Amino acid sequence: MIEVTLLRNNGRLYGFEVLGHADYAPEGQEDILCAAVSVLTENTVNSIERLTGDIPVREEIREEDGYLYFELPKDCSDNAQLLLQSMVYGLTDIQAGYEKHLTIRSKEE
């Protein structure tokens, strides 16, 4: 199962953590669910880094472990907020069809 934890401060998103594999595809085949989550989350990281002035305070990717951690300063820009929220909408849409393979939760600080 893929577990996504959204990092929030006073309701505002400032990062996320993705852990695990969907185990959706049969053995030996590409897992389209893992690919979809990877595309959404990695594109969000790349877009924030290229399109906003926000600089991550921590970023870690371990593809073999199915792990991605991305954290911005808690006072990140509205543009970063927009990109993070867009990612959440995409993940939520995926979760609606694949609840057994993807869970999303928030961690408020």
PDB file of N, CA and C in Angstrom:
ATOM      1  N   MET A   1       0.836  -1.177   0.000  1.00  0.00           N
ATOM      2  CA  MET A   1       0.000   0.000   0.000  1.00  0.00           C
ATOM      3  C   MET A   1       0.888   1.251   0.000  1.00  0.00           C
ATOM      4  N   ILE A   2       0.442   2.256  -0.732  1.00  0.00           N
ATOM      5  CA  ILE A   2       1.113   3.552  -0.728  1.00  0.00           C
ATOM      6  C   ILE A   2       0.459   4.410   0.348  1.00  0.00           C
ATOM      7  N   GLU A   3       1.279   4.985   1.211  1.00  0.00           N
ATOM      8  CA  GLU A   3       0.787   5.870   2.255  1.00  0.00           C
ATOM      9  C   GLU A   3       1.334   7.265   1.995  1.00  0.00           C
ATOM     10  N   VAL A   4       0.426   8.237   1.869  1.00  0.00           N
ATOM     11  CA  VAL A   4       0.808   9.625   1.671  1.00  0.00           C
ATOM     12  C   VAL A   4       0.436  10.394   2.929  1.00  0.00           C
ATOM     13  N   THR A   5       1.403  11.098   3.483  1.00  0.00           N
ATOM     14  CA  THR A   5       1.155  11.962   4.631  1.00  0.00           C
ATOM     15  C   THR A   5       1.375  13.398   4.193  1.00  0.00           C
ATOM     16  N   LEU A   6       0.343  14.211   4.333  1.00  0.00           N
ATOM     17  CA  LEU A   6       0.409  15.624   3.985  1.00  0.00           C
ATOM     18  C   LEU A   6       0.818  16.409   5.223  1.00  0.00           C
ATOM     19  N   LEU A   7       1.828  17.230   5.098  1.00  0.00           N
ATOM     20  CA  LEU A   7       2.316  18.036   6.212  1.00  0.00           C
ATOM     21  C   LEU A   7       1.618  19.388   6.194  1.00  0.00           C
ATOM     22  N   ARG A   8       0.984  19.733   7.307  1.00  0.00           N
ATOM     23  CA  ARG A   8       0.221  20.976   7.386  1.00  0.00           C
ATOM     24  C   ARG A   8       0.595  21.760   8.643  1.00  0.00           C
ATOM     25  N   ASN A   9       0.468  23.075   8.520  1.00  0.00           N
ATOM     26  CA  ASN A   9       0.640  23.975   9.655  1.00  0.00           C
ATOM     27  C   ASN A   9      -0.463  25.012   9.566  1.00  0.00           C
ATOM     28  N   ASN A  10      -1.331  25.042  10.571  1.00  0.00           N
ATOM     29  CA  ASN A  10      -2.501  25.927  10.550  1.00  0.00           C
ATOM     30  C   ASN A  10      -3.321  25.730   9.274  1.00  0.00           C
ATOM     31  N   GLY A  11      -3.454  24.484   8.843  1.00  0.00           N
ATOM     32  CA  GLY A  11      -4.239  24.160   7.669  1.00  0.00           C
ATOM     33  C   GLY A  11      -3.509  24.317   6.343  1.00  0.00           C
ATOM     34  N   ARG A  12      -2.378  25.002   6.337  1.00  0.00           N
ATOM     35  CA  ARG A  12      -1.621  25.228   5.093  1.00  0.00           C
ATOM     36  C   ARG A  12      -0.656  24.072   4.838  1.00  0.00           C
ATOM     37  N   LEU A  13      -0.638  23.604   3.603  1.00  0.00           N
ATOM     38  CA  LEU A  13       0.303  22.547   3.208  1.00  0.00           C
ATOM     39  C   LEU A  13       1.712  23.107   3.122  1.00  0.00           C
ATOM     40  N   TYR A  14       2.687  22.342   3.588  1.00  0.00           N
ATOM     41  CA  TYR A  14       4.076  22.743   3.408  1.00  0.00           C
ATOM     42  C   TYR A  14       4.967  21.565   3.009  1.00  0.00           C
ATOM     43  N   GLY A  15       4.360  20.389   2.795  1.00  0.00           N
ATOM     44  CA  GLY A  15       5.160  19.254   2.353  1.00  0.00           C
ATOM     45  C   GLY A  15       4.372  17.964   2.385  1.00  0.00           C
ATOM     46  N   PHE A  16       5.073  16.877   2.087  1.00  0.00           N
ATOM     47  CA  PHE A  16       4.426  15.566   2.075  1.00  0.00           C
ATOM     48  C   PHE A  16       5.478  14.470   2.146  1.00  0.00           C
ATOM     49  N   GLU A  17       5.002  13.285   2.505  1.00  0.00           N
ATOM     50  CA  GLU A  17       5.824  12.080   2.535  1.00  0.00           C
ATOM     51  C   GLU A  17       5.044  10.973   1.846  1.00  0.00           C
ATOM     52  N   VAL A  18       5.714  10.241   0.976  1.00  0.00           N
ATOM     53  CA  VAL A  18       5.103   9.106   0.279  1.00  0.00           C
ATOM     54  C   VAL A  18       5.937   7.875   0.600  1.00  0.00           C
ATOM     55  N   LEU A  19       5.260   6.807   1.002  1.00  0.00           N
ATOM     56  CA  LEU A  19       5.961   5.596   1.415  1.00  0.00           C
ATOM     57  C   LEU A  19       5.224   4.367   0.907  1.00  0.00           C
ATOM     58  N   GLY A  20       5.969   3.453   0.320  1.00  0.00           N
ATOM     59  CA  GLY A  20       5.414   2.156  -0.038  1.00  0.00           C
ATOM     60  C   GLY A  20       5.149   1.969  -1.520  1.00  0.00           C
ATOM     61  N   HIS A  21       4.627   0.824  -1.824  1.00  0.00           N
ATOM     62  CA  HIS A  21       4.281   0.432  -3.185  1.00  0.00           C
ATOM     63  C   HIS A  21       2.824  -0.024  -3.205  1.00  0.00           C
ATOM     64  N   ALA A  22       2.163   0.209  -4.318  1.00  0.00           N
ATOM     65  CA  ALA A  22       0.739  -0.128  -4.419  1.00  0.00           C
ATOM     66  C   ALA A  22       0.501  -1.631  -4.472  1.00  0.00           C
ATOM     67  N   ASP A  23       1.437  -2.389  -5.044  1.00  0.00           N
ATOM     68  CA  ASP A  23       1.245  -3.826  -5.258  1.00  0.00           C
ATOM     69  C   ASP A  23      -0.062  -4.087  -6.004  1.00  0.00           C
ATOM     70  N   TYR A  24      -0.303  -3.271  -7.005  1.00  0.00           N
ATOM     71  CA  TYR A  24      -1.531  -3.367  -7.792  1.00  0.00           C
ATOM     72  C   TYR A  24      -1.357  -4.276  -9.011  1.00  0.00           C
ATOM     73  N   ALA A  25      -0.208  -4.184  -9.658  1.00  0.00           N
ATOM     74  CA  ALA A  25       0.033  -4.946 -10.894  1.00  0.00           C
ATOM     75  C   ALA A  25       0.415  -6.388 -10.584  1.00  0.00           C
ATOM     76  N   PRO A  26       0.064  -7.299 -11.491  1.00  0.00           N
ATOM     77  CA  PRO A  26       0.527  -8.683 -11.345  1.00  0.00           C
ATOM     78  C   PRO A  26       2.061  -8.745 -11.393  1.00  0.00           C
ATOM     79  N   GLU A  27       2.612  -9.766 -10.807  1.00  0.00           N
ATOM     80  CA  GLU A  27       4.069  -9.961 -10.761  1.00  0.00           C
ATOM     81  C   GLU A  27       4.679  -9.831 -12.150  1.00  0.00           C
ATOM     82  N   GLY A  28       5.729  -9.043 -12.255  1.00  0.00           N
ATOM     83  CA  GLY A  28       6.458  -8.889 -13.506  1.00  0.00           C
ATOM     84  C   GLY A  28       5.921  -7.815 -14.427  1.00  0.00           C
ATOM     85  N   GLN A  29       4.831  -7.175 -14.058  1.00  0.00           N
ATOM     86  CA  GLN A  29       4.270  -6.106 -14.886  1.00  0.00           C
ATOM     87  C   GLN A  29       4.470  -4.752 -14.206  1.00  0.00           C
ATOM     88  N   GLU A  30       4.445  -3.703 -15.019  1.00  0.00           N
ATOM     89  CA  GLU A  30       4.574  -2.347 -14.490  1.00  0.00           C
ATOM     90  C   GLU A  30       3.333  -1.996 -13.670  1.00  0.00           C
ATOM     91  N   ASP A  31       3.546  -1.340 -12.572  1.00  0.00           N
ATOM     92  CA  ASP A  31       2.446  -0.958 -11.695  1.00  0.00           C
ATOM     93  C   ASP A  31       1.995   0.462 -12.044  1.00  0.00           C
ATOM     94  N   ILE A  32       0.868   0.559 -12.760  1.00  0.00           N
ATOM     95  CA  ILE A  32       0.400   1.865 -13.213  1.00  0.00           C
ATOM     96  C   ILE A  32      -0.031   2.758 -12.046  1.00  0.00           C
ATOM     97  N   LEU A  33      -0.441   2.156 -10.945  1.00  0.00           N
ATOM     98  CA  LEU A  33      -0.840   2.946  -9.788  1.00  0.00           C
ATOM     99  C   LEU A  33       0.374   3.611  -9.146  1.00  0.00           C
ATOM    100  N   CYS A  34       1.455   2.872  -8.988  1.00  0.00           N
ATOM    101  CA  CYS A  34       2.697   3.459  -8.474  1.00  0.00           C
ATOM    102  C   CYS A  34       3.190   4.556  -9.419  1.00  0.00           C
ATOM    103  N   ALA A  35       3.103   4.286 -10.709  1.00  0.00           N
ATOM    104  CA  ALA A  35       3.548   5.271 -11.696  1.00  0.00           C
ATOM    105  C   ALA A  35       2.732   6.556 -11.602  1.00  0.00           C
ATOM    106  N   ALA A  36       1.434   6.437 -11.443  1.00  0.00           N
ATOM    107  CA  ALA A  36       0.571   7.619 -11.361  1.00  0.00           C
ATOM    108  C   ALA A  36       0.907   8.462 -10.130  1.00  0.00           C
ATOM    109  N   VAL A  37       1.085   7.814  -8.994  1.00  0.00           N
ATOM    110  CA  VAL A  37       1.426   8.540  -7.765  1.00  0.00           C
ATOM    111  C   VAL A  37       2.809   9.173  -7.900  1.00  0.00           C
ATOM    112  N   SER A  38       3.747   8.458  -8.483  1.00  0.00           N
ATOM    113  CA  SER A  38       5.094   8.998  -8.689  1.00  0.00           C
ATOM    114  C   SER A  38       5.085  10.224  -9.592  1.00  0.00           C
ATOM    115  N   VAL A  39       4.338  10.147 -10.669  1.00  0.00           N
ATOM    116  CA  VAL A  39       4.272  11.282 -11.595  1.00  0.00           C
ATOM    117  C   VAL A  39       3.700  12.507 -10.891  1.00  0.00           C
ATOM    118  N   LEU A  40       2.612  12.346 -10.169  1.00  0.00           N
ATOM    119  CA  LEU A  40       1.997  13.481  -9.477  1.00  0.00           C
ATOM    120  C   LEU A  40       2.938  14.097  -8.446  1.00  0.00           C
ATOM    121  N   THR A  41       3.544  13.270  -7.627  1.00  0.00           N
ATOM    122  CA  THR A  41       4.369  13.798  -6.543  1.00  0.00           C
ATOM    123  C   THR A  41       5.690  14.367  -7.057  1.00  0.00           C
ATOM    124  N   GLU A  42       6.343  13.667  -7.974  1.00  0.00           N
ATOM    125  CA  GLU A  42       7.614  14.174  -8.500  1.00  0.00           C
ATOM    126  C   GLU A  42       7.413  15.421  -9.351  1.00  0.00           C
ATOM    127  N   ASN A  43       6.323  15.482 -10.100  1.00  0.00           N
ATOM    128  CA  ASN A  43       6.040  16.680 -10.879  1.00  0.00           C
ATOM    129  C   ASN A  43       5.777  17.877  -9.958  1.00  0.00           C
ATOM    130  N   THR A  44       5.137  17.637  -8.837  1.00  0.00           N
ATOM    131  CA  THR A  44       4.899  18.715  -7.873  1.00  0.00           C
ATOM    132  C   THR A  44       6.218  19.251  -7.334  1.00  0.00           C
ATOM    133  N   VAL A  45       7.113  18.357  -6.950  1.00  0.00           N
ATOM    134  CA  VAL A  45       8.431  18.777  -6.468  1.00  0.00           C
ATOM    135  C   VAL A  45       9.155  19.582  -7.548  1.00  0.00           C
ATOM    136  N   ASN A  46       9.206  19.052  -8.762  1.00  0.00           N
ATOM    137  CA  ASN A  46       9.901  19.739  -9.856  1.00  0.00           C
ATOM    138  C   ASN A  46       9.273  21.088 -10.168  1.00  0.00           C
ATOM    139  N   SER A  47       7.952  21.157 -10.162  1.00  0.00           N
ATOM    140  CA  SER A  47       7.264  22.412 -10.464  1.00  0.00           C
ATOM    141  C   SER A  47       7.529  23.462  -9.400  1.00  0.00           C
ATOM    142  N   ILE A  48       7.481  23.068  -8.144  1.00  0.00           N
ATOM    143  CA  ILE A  48       7.761  24.016  -7.066  1.00  0.00           C
ATOM    144  C   ILE A  48       9.189  24.539  -7.182  1.00  0.00           C
ATOM    145  N   GLU A  49      10.134  23.643  -7.439  1.00  0.00           N
ATOM    146  CA  GLU A  49      11.535  24.056  -7.536  1.00  0.00           C
ATOM    147  C   GLU A  49      11.795  24.952  -8.741  1.00  0.00           C
ATOM    148  N   ARG A  50      11.066  24.728  -9.841  1.00  0.00           N
ATOM    149  CA  ARG A  50      11.327  25.487 -11.070  1.00  0.00           C
ATOM    150  C   ARG A  50      10.458  26.735 -11.222  1.00  0.00           C
ATOM    151  N   LEU A  51       9.272  26.737 -10.622  1.00  0.00           N
ATOM    152  CA  LEU A  51       8.317  27.806 -10.882  1.00  0.00           C
ATOM    153  C   LEU A  51       8.088  28.765  -9.718  1.00  0.00           C
ATOM    154  N   THR A  52       8.577  28.430  -8.552  1.00  0.00           N
ATOM    155  CA  THR A  52       8.411  29.316  -7.395  1.00  0.00           C
ATOM    156  C   THR A  52       9.786  29.663  -6.846  1.00  0.00           C
ATOM    157  N   GLY A  53       9.829  30.581  -5.946  1.00  0.00           N
ATOM    158  CA  GLY A  53      11.094  30.926  -5.301  1.00  0.00           C
ATOM    159  C   GLY A  53      11.345  30.112  -4.048  1.00  0.00           C
ATOM    160  N   ASP A  54      10.469  29.150  -3.787  1.00  0.00           N
ATOM    161  CA  ASP A  54      10.573  28.356  -2.563  1.00  0.00           C
ATOM    162  C   ASP A  54      11.705  27.339  -2.650  1.00  0.00           C
ATOM    163  N   ILE A  55      12.437  27.225  -1.564  1.00  0.00           N
ATOM    164  CA  ILE A  55      13.556  26.285  -1.481  1.00  0.00           C
ATOM    165  C   ILE A  55      13.231  25.255  -0.407  1.00  0.00           C
ATOM    166  N   PRO A  56      13.279  23.974  -0.757  1.00  0.00           N
ATOM    167  CA  PRO A  56      12.959  22.937   0.240  1.00  0.00           C
ATOM    168  C   PRO A  56      13.933  22.968   1.409  1.00  0.00           C
ATOM    169  N   VAL A  57      13.408  22.676   2.592  1.00  0.00           N
ATOM    170  CA  VAL A  57      14.281  22.519   3.755  1.00  0.00           C
ATOM    171  C   VAL A  57      14.756  21.081   3.856  1.00  0.00           C
ATOM    172  N   ARG A  58      14.009  20.174   3.217  1.00  0.00           N
ATOM    173  CA  ARG A  58      14.431  18.772   3.168  1.00  0.00           C
ATOM    174  C   ARG A  58      13.775  18.099   1.971  1.00  0.00           C
ATOM    175  N   GLU A  59      14.576  17.337   1.263  1.00  0.00           N
ATOM    176  CA  GLU A  59      14.069  16.568   0.127  1.00  0.00           C
ATOM    177  C   GLU A  59      14.841  15.260   0.075  1.00  0.00           C
ATOM    178  N   GLU A  60      14.107  14.170   0.012  1.00  0.00           N
ATOM    179  CA  GLU A  60      14.754  12.857  -0.016  1.00  0.00           C
ATOM    180  C   GLU A  60      13.939  11.937  -0.908  1.00  0.00           C
ATOM    181  N   ILE A  61      14.618  11.284  -1.832  1.00  0.00           N
ATOM    182  CA  ILE A  61      13.964  10.322  -2.724  1.00  0.00           C
ATOM    183  C   ILE A  61      14.752   9.024  -2.684  1.00  0.00           C
ATOM    184  N   ARG A  62      14.050   7.937  -2.405  1.00  0.00           N
ATOM    185  CA  ARG A  62      14.654   6.605  -2.477  1.00  0.00           C
ATOM    186  C   ARG A  62      13.700   5.745  -3.297  1.00  0.00           C
ATOM    187  N   GLU A  63      13.955   5.694  -4.593  1.00  0.00           N
ATOM    188  CA  GLU A  63      13.034   5.005  -5.498  1.00  0.00           C
ATOM    189  C   GLU A  63      12.903   3.520  -5.185  1.00  0.00           C
ATOM    190  N   GLU A  64      13.996   2.891  -4.810  1.00  0.00           N
ATOM    191  CA  GLU A  64      13.941   1.457  -4.549  1.00  0.00           C
ATOM    192  C   GLU A  64      13.060   1.144  -3.338  1.00  0.00           C
ATOM    193  N   ASP A  65      12.953   2.079  -2.425  1.00  0.00           N
ATOM    194  CA  ASP A  65      12.125   1.889  -1.239  1.00  0.00           C
ATOM    195  C   ASP A  65      10.718   2.460  -1.420  1.00  0.00           C
ATOM    196  N   GLY A  66      10.455   3.094  -2.552  1.00  0.00           N
ATOM    197  CA  GLY A  66       9.172   3.732  -2.742  1.00  0.00           C
ATOM    198  C   GLY A  66       8.976   4.870  -1.761  1.00  0.00           C
ATOM    199  N   TYR A  67       9.996   5.724  -1.625  1.00  0.00           N
ATOM    200  CA  TYR A  67       9.966   6.766  -0.601  1.00  0.00           C
ATOM    201  C   TYR A  67      10.281   8.129  -1.201  1.00  0.00           C
ATOM    202  N   LEU A  68       9.476   9.122  -0.860  1.00  0.00           N
ATOM    203  CA  LEU A  68       9.715  10.498  -1.242  1.00  0.00           C
ATOM    204  C   LEU A  68       9.291  11.382  -0.087  1.00  0.00           C
ATOM    205  N   TYR A  69      10.197  12.243   0.355  1.00  0.00           N
ATOM    206  CA  TYR A  69       9.895  13.214   1.402  1.00  0.00           C
ATOM    207  C   TYR A  69      10.244  14.584   0.855  1.00  0.00           C
ATOM    208  N   PHE A  70       9.313  15.532   0.982  1.00  0.00           N
ATOM    209  CA  PHE A  70       9.520  16.884   0.486  1.00  0.00           C
ATOM    210  C   PHE A  70       8.926  17.857   1.482  1.00  0.00           C
ATOM    211  N   GLU A  71       9.753  18.779   1.960  1.00  0.00           N
ATOM    212  CA  GLU A  71       9.306  19.744   2.956  1.00  0.00           C
ATOM    213  C   GLU A  71       9.810  21.135   2.613  1.00  0.00           C
ATOM    214  N   LEU A  72       8.878  22.085   2.632  1.00  0.00           N
ATOM    215  CA  LEU A  72       9.185  23.495   2.423  1.00  0.00           C
ATOM    216  C   LEU A  72       9.115  24.215   3.766  1.00  0.00           C
ATOM    217  N   PRO A  73       9.611  25.452   3.832  1.00  0.00           N
ATOM    218  CA  PRO A  73       9.374  26.234   5.047  1.00  0.00           C
ATOM    219  C   PRO A  73       7.860  26.368   5.264  1.00  0.00           C
ATOM    220  N   LYS A  74       7.438  26.434   6.497  1.00  0.00           N
ATOM    221  CA  LYS A  74       6.007  26.492   6.797  1.00  0.00           C
ATOM    222  C   LYS A  74       5.334  27.739   6.220  1.00  0.00           C
ATOM    223  N   ASP A  75       6.117  28.762   5.933  1.00  0.00           N
ATOM    224  CA  ASP A  75       5.555  29.992   5.357  1.00  0.00           C
ATOM    225  C   ASP A  75       5.785  30.051   3.841  1.00  0.00           C
ATOM    226  N   CYS A  76       5.721  28.907   3.181  1.00  0.00           N
ATOM    227  CA  CYS A  76       5.962  28.850   1.735  1.00  0.00           C
ATOM    228  C   CYS A  76       4.933  29.705   0.985  1.00  0.00           C
ATOM    229  N   SER A  77       5.255  29.989  -0.256  1.00  0.00           N
ATOM    230  CA  SER A  77       4.464  30.912  -1.071  1.00  0.00           C
ATOM    231  C   SER A  77       3.083  30.355  -1.420  1.00  0.00           C
ATOM    232  N   ASP A  78       2.205  31.270  -1.815  1.00  0.00           N
ATOM    233  CA  ASP A  78       0.878  30.864  -2.286  1.00  0.00           C
ATOM    234  C   ASP A  78       0.987  30.022  -3.551  1.00  0.00           C
ATOM    235  N   ASN A  79       1.986  30.288  -4.382  1.00  0.00           N
ATOM    236  CA  ASN A  79       2.186  29.480  -5.594  1.00  0.00           C
ATOM    237  C   ASN A  79       2.525  28.034  -5.232  1.00  0.00           C
ATOM    238  N   ALA A  80       3.371  27.854  -4.226  1.00  0.00           N
ATOM    239  CA  ALA A  80       3.694  26.497  -3.777  1.00  0.00           C
ATOM    240  C   ALA A  80       2.452  25.825  -3.207  1.00  0.00           C
ATOM    241  N   GLN A  81       1.646  26.593  -2.471  1.00  0.00           N
ATOM    242  CA  GLN A  81       0.393  26.071  -1.927  1.00  0.00           C
ATOM    243  C   GLN A  81      -0.521  25.556  -3.043  1.00  0.00           C
ATOM    244  N   LEU A  82      -0.618  26.337  -4.107  1.00  0.00           N
ATOM    245  CA  LEU A  82      -1.461  25.966  -5.241  1.00  0.00           C
ATOM    246  C   LEU A  82      -0.986  24.656  -5.873  1.00  0.00           C
ATOM    247  N   LEU A  83       0.312  24.534  -6.062  1.00  0.00           N
ATOM    248  CA  LEU A  83       0.860  23.311  -6.658  1.00  0.00           C
ATOM    249  C   LEU A  83       0.664  22.106  -5.741  1.00  0.00           C
ATOM    250  N   LEU A  84       0.872  22.294  -4.444  1.00  0.00           N
ATOM    251  CA  LEU A  84       0.652  21.202  -3.492  1.00  0.00           C
ATOM    252  C   LEU A  84      -0.823  20.790  -3.465  1.00  0.00           C
ATOM    253  N   GLN A  85      -1.720  21.760  -3.484  1.00  0.00           N
ATOM    254  CA  GLN A  85      -3.149  21.441  -3.455  1.00  0.00           C
ATOM    255  C   GLN A  85      -3.572  20.712  -4.725  1.00  0.00           C
ATOM    256  N   SER A  86      -2.996  21.097  -5.850  1.00  0.00           N
ATOM    257  CA  SER A  86      -3.277  20.404  -7.101  1.00  0.00           C
ATOM    258  C   SER A  86      -2.864  18.938  -7.008  1.00  0.00           C
ATOM    259  N   MET A  87      -1.706  18.677  -6.406  1.00  0.00           N
ATOM    260  CA  MET A  87      -1.252  17.304  -6.202  1.00  0.00           C
ATOM    261  C   MET A  87      -2.244  16.536  -5.335  1.00  0.00           C
ATOM    262  N   VAL A  88      -2.721  17.181  -4.277  1.00  0.00           N
ATOM    263  CA  VAL A  88      -3.674  16.527  -3.374  1.00  0.00           C
ATOM    264  C   VAL A  88      -4.951  16.151  -4.118  1.00  0.00           C
ATOM    265  N   TYR A  89      -5.454  17.040  -4.966  1.00  0.00           N
ATOM    266  CA  TYR A  89      -6.648  16.714  -5.743  1.00  0.00           C
ATOM    267  C   TYR A  89      -6.412  15.491  -6.630  1.00  0.00           C
ATOM    268  N   GLY A  90      -5.264  15.435  -7.277  1.00  0.00           N
ATOM    269  CA  GLY A  90      -4.951  14.283  -8.116  1.00  0.00           C
ATOM    270  C   GLY A  90      -4.851  12.998  -7.322  1.00  0.00           C
ATOM    271  N   LEU A  91      -4.184  13.053  -6.181  1.00  0.00           N
ATOM    272  CA  LEU A  91      -4.054  11.863  -5.331  1.00  0.00           C
ATOM    273  C   LEU A  91      -5.405  11.419  -4.792  1.00  0.00           C
ATOM    274  N   THR A  92      -6.240  12.372  -4.415  1.00  0.00           N
ATOM    275  CA  THR A  92      -7.565  12.051  -3.890  1.00  0.00           C
ATOM    276  C   THR A  92      -8.425  11.371  -4.956  1.00  0.00           C
ATOM    277  N   ASP A  93      -8.306  11.835  -6.191  1.00  0.00           N
ATOM    278  CA  ASP A  93      -9.040  11.190  -7.290  1.00  0.00           C
ATOM    279  C   ASP A  93      -8.573   9.749  -7.490  1.00  0.00           C
ATOM    280  N   ILE A  94      -7.273   9.527  -7.403  1.00  0.00           N
ATOM    281  CA  ILE A  94      -6.748   8.154  -7.529  1.00  0.00           C
ATOM    282  C   ILE A  94      -7.246   7.302  -6.370  1.00  0.00           C
ATOM    283  N   GLN A  95      -7.180   7.846  -5.162  1.00  0.00           N
ATOM    284  CA  GLN A  95      -7.595   7.090  -3.982  1.00  0.00           C
ATOM    285  C   GLN A  95      -9.060   6.660  -4.072  1.00  0.00           C
ATOM    286  N   ALA A  96      -9.899   7.476  -4.675  1.00  0.00           N
ATOM    287  CA  ALA A  96     -11.323   7.152  -4.788  1.00  0.00           C
ATOM    288  C   ALA A  96     -11.553   5.836  -5.526  1.00  0.00           C
ATOM    289  N   GLY A  97     -10.686   5.514  -6.461  1.00  0.00           N
ATOM    290  CA  GLY A  97     -10.843   4.271  -7.216  1.00  0.00           C
ATOM    291  C   GLY A  97      -9.990   3.118  -6.721  1.00  0.00           C
ATOM    292  N   TYR A  98      -9.037   3.409  -5.847  1.00  0.00           N
ATOM    293  CA  TYR A  98      -8.073   2.381  -5.421  1.00  0.00           C
ATOM    294  C   TYR A  98      -7.804   2.461  -3.923  1.00  0.00           C
ATOM    295  N   GLU A  99      -8.866   2.470  -3.121  1.00  0.00           N
ATOM    296  CA  GLU A  99      -8.745   2.636  -1.668  1.00  0.00           C
ATOM    297  C   GLU A  99      -7.868   1.585  -1.001  1.00  0.00           C
ATOM    298  N   LYS A 100      -7.833   0.382  -1.560  1.00  0.00           N
ATOM    299  CA  LYS A 100      -7.039  -0.696  -0.957  1.00  0.00           C
ATOM    300  C   LYS A 100      -5.546  -0.518  -1.223  1.00  0.00           C
ATOM    301  N   HIS A 101      -5.200   0.398  -2.114  1.00  0.00           N
ATOM    302  CA  HIS A 101      -3.809   0.536  -2.522  1.00  0.00           C
ATOM    303  C   HIS A 101      -3.198   1.896  -2.188  1.00  0.00           C
ATOM    304  N   LEU A 102      -4.026   2.863  -1.785  1.00  0.00           N
ATOM    305  CA  LEU A 102      -3.540   4.221  -1.514  1.00  0.00           C
ATOM    306  C   LEU A 102      -4.317   4.815  -0.358  1.00  0.00           C
ATOM    307  N   THR A 103      -3.578   5.315   0.630  1.00  0.00           N
ATOM    308  CA  THR A 103      -4.199   6.013   1.749  1.00  0.00           C
ATOM    309  C   THR A 103      -3.550   7.380   1.885  1.00  0.00           C
ATOM    310  N   ILE A 104      -4.365   8.368   2.219  1.00  0.00           N
ATOM    311  CA  ILE A 104      -3.889   9.741   2.375  1.00  0.00           C
ATOM    312  C   ILE A 104      -4.324  10.227   3.752  1.00  0.00           C
ATOM    313  N   ARG A 105      -3.380  10.826   4.468  1.00  0.00           N
ATOM    314  CA  ARG A 105      -3.720  11.398   5.779  1.00  0.00           C
ATOM    315  C   ARG A 105      -2.970  12.709   5.938  1.00  0.00           C
ATOM    316  N   SER A 106      -3.394  13.498   6.876  1.00  0.00           N
ATOM    317  CA  SER A 106      -2.739  14.774   7.161  1.00  0.00           C
ATOM    318  C   SER A 106      -2.091  14.731   8.530  1.00  0.00           C
ATOM    319  N   LYS A 107      -0.968  15.413   8.623  1.00  0.00           N
ATOM    320  CA  LYS A 107      -0.273  15.562   9.908  1.00  0.00           C
ATOM    321  C   LYS A 107      -0.187  17.063  10.164  1.00  0.00           C
ATOM    322  N   GLU A 108      -0.905  17.518  11.168  1.00  0.00           N
ATOM    323  CA  GLU A 108      -0.949  18.943  11.498  1.00  0.00           C
ATOM    324  C   GLU A 108       0.078  19.268  12.574  1.00  0.00           C
ATOM    325  N   GLU A 109       0.820  20.335  12.368  1.00  0.00           N
ATOM    326  CA  GLU A 109       1.790  20.780  13.377  1.00  0.00           C
ATOM    327  C   GLU A 109       1.390  22.140  13.887  1.00  0.00           C
TER     328      GLU A 109
END
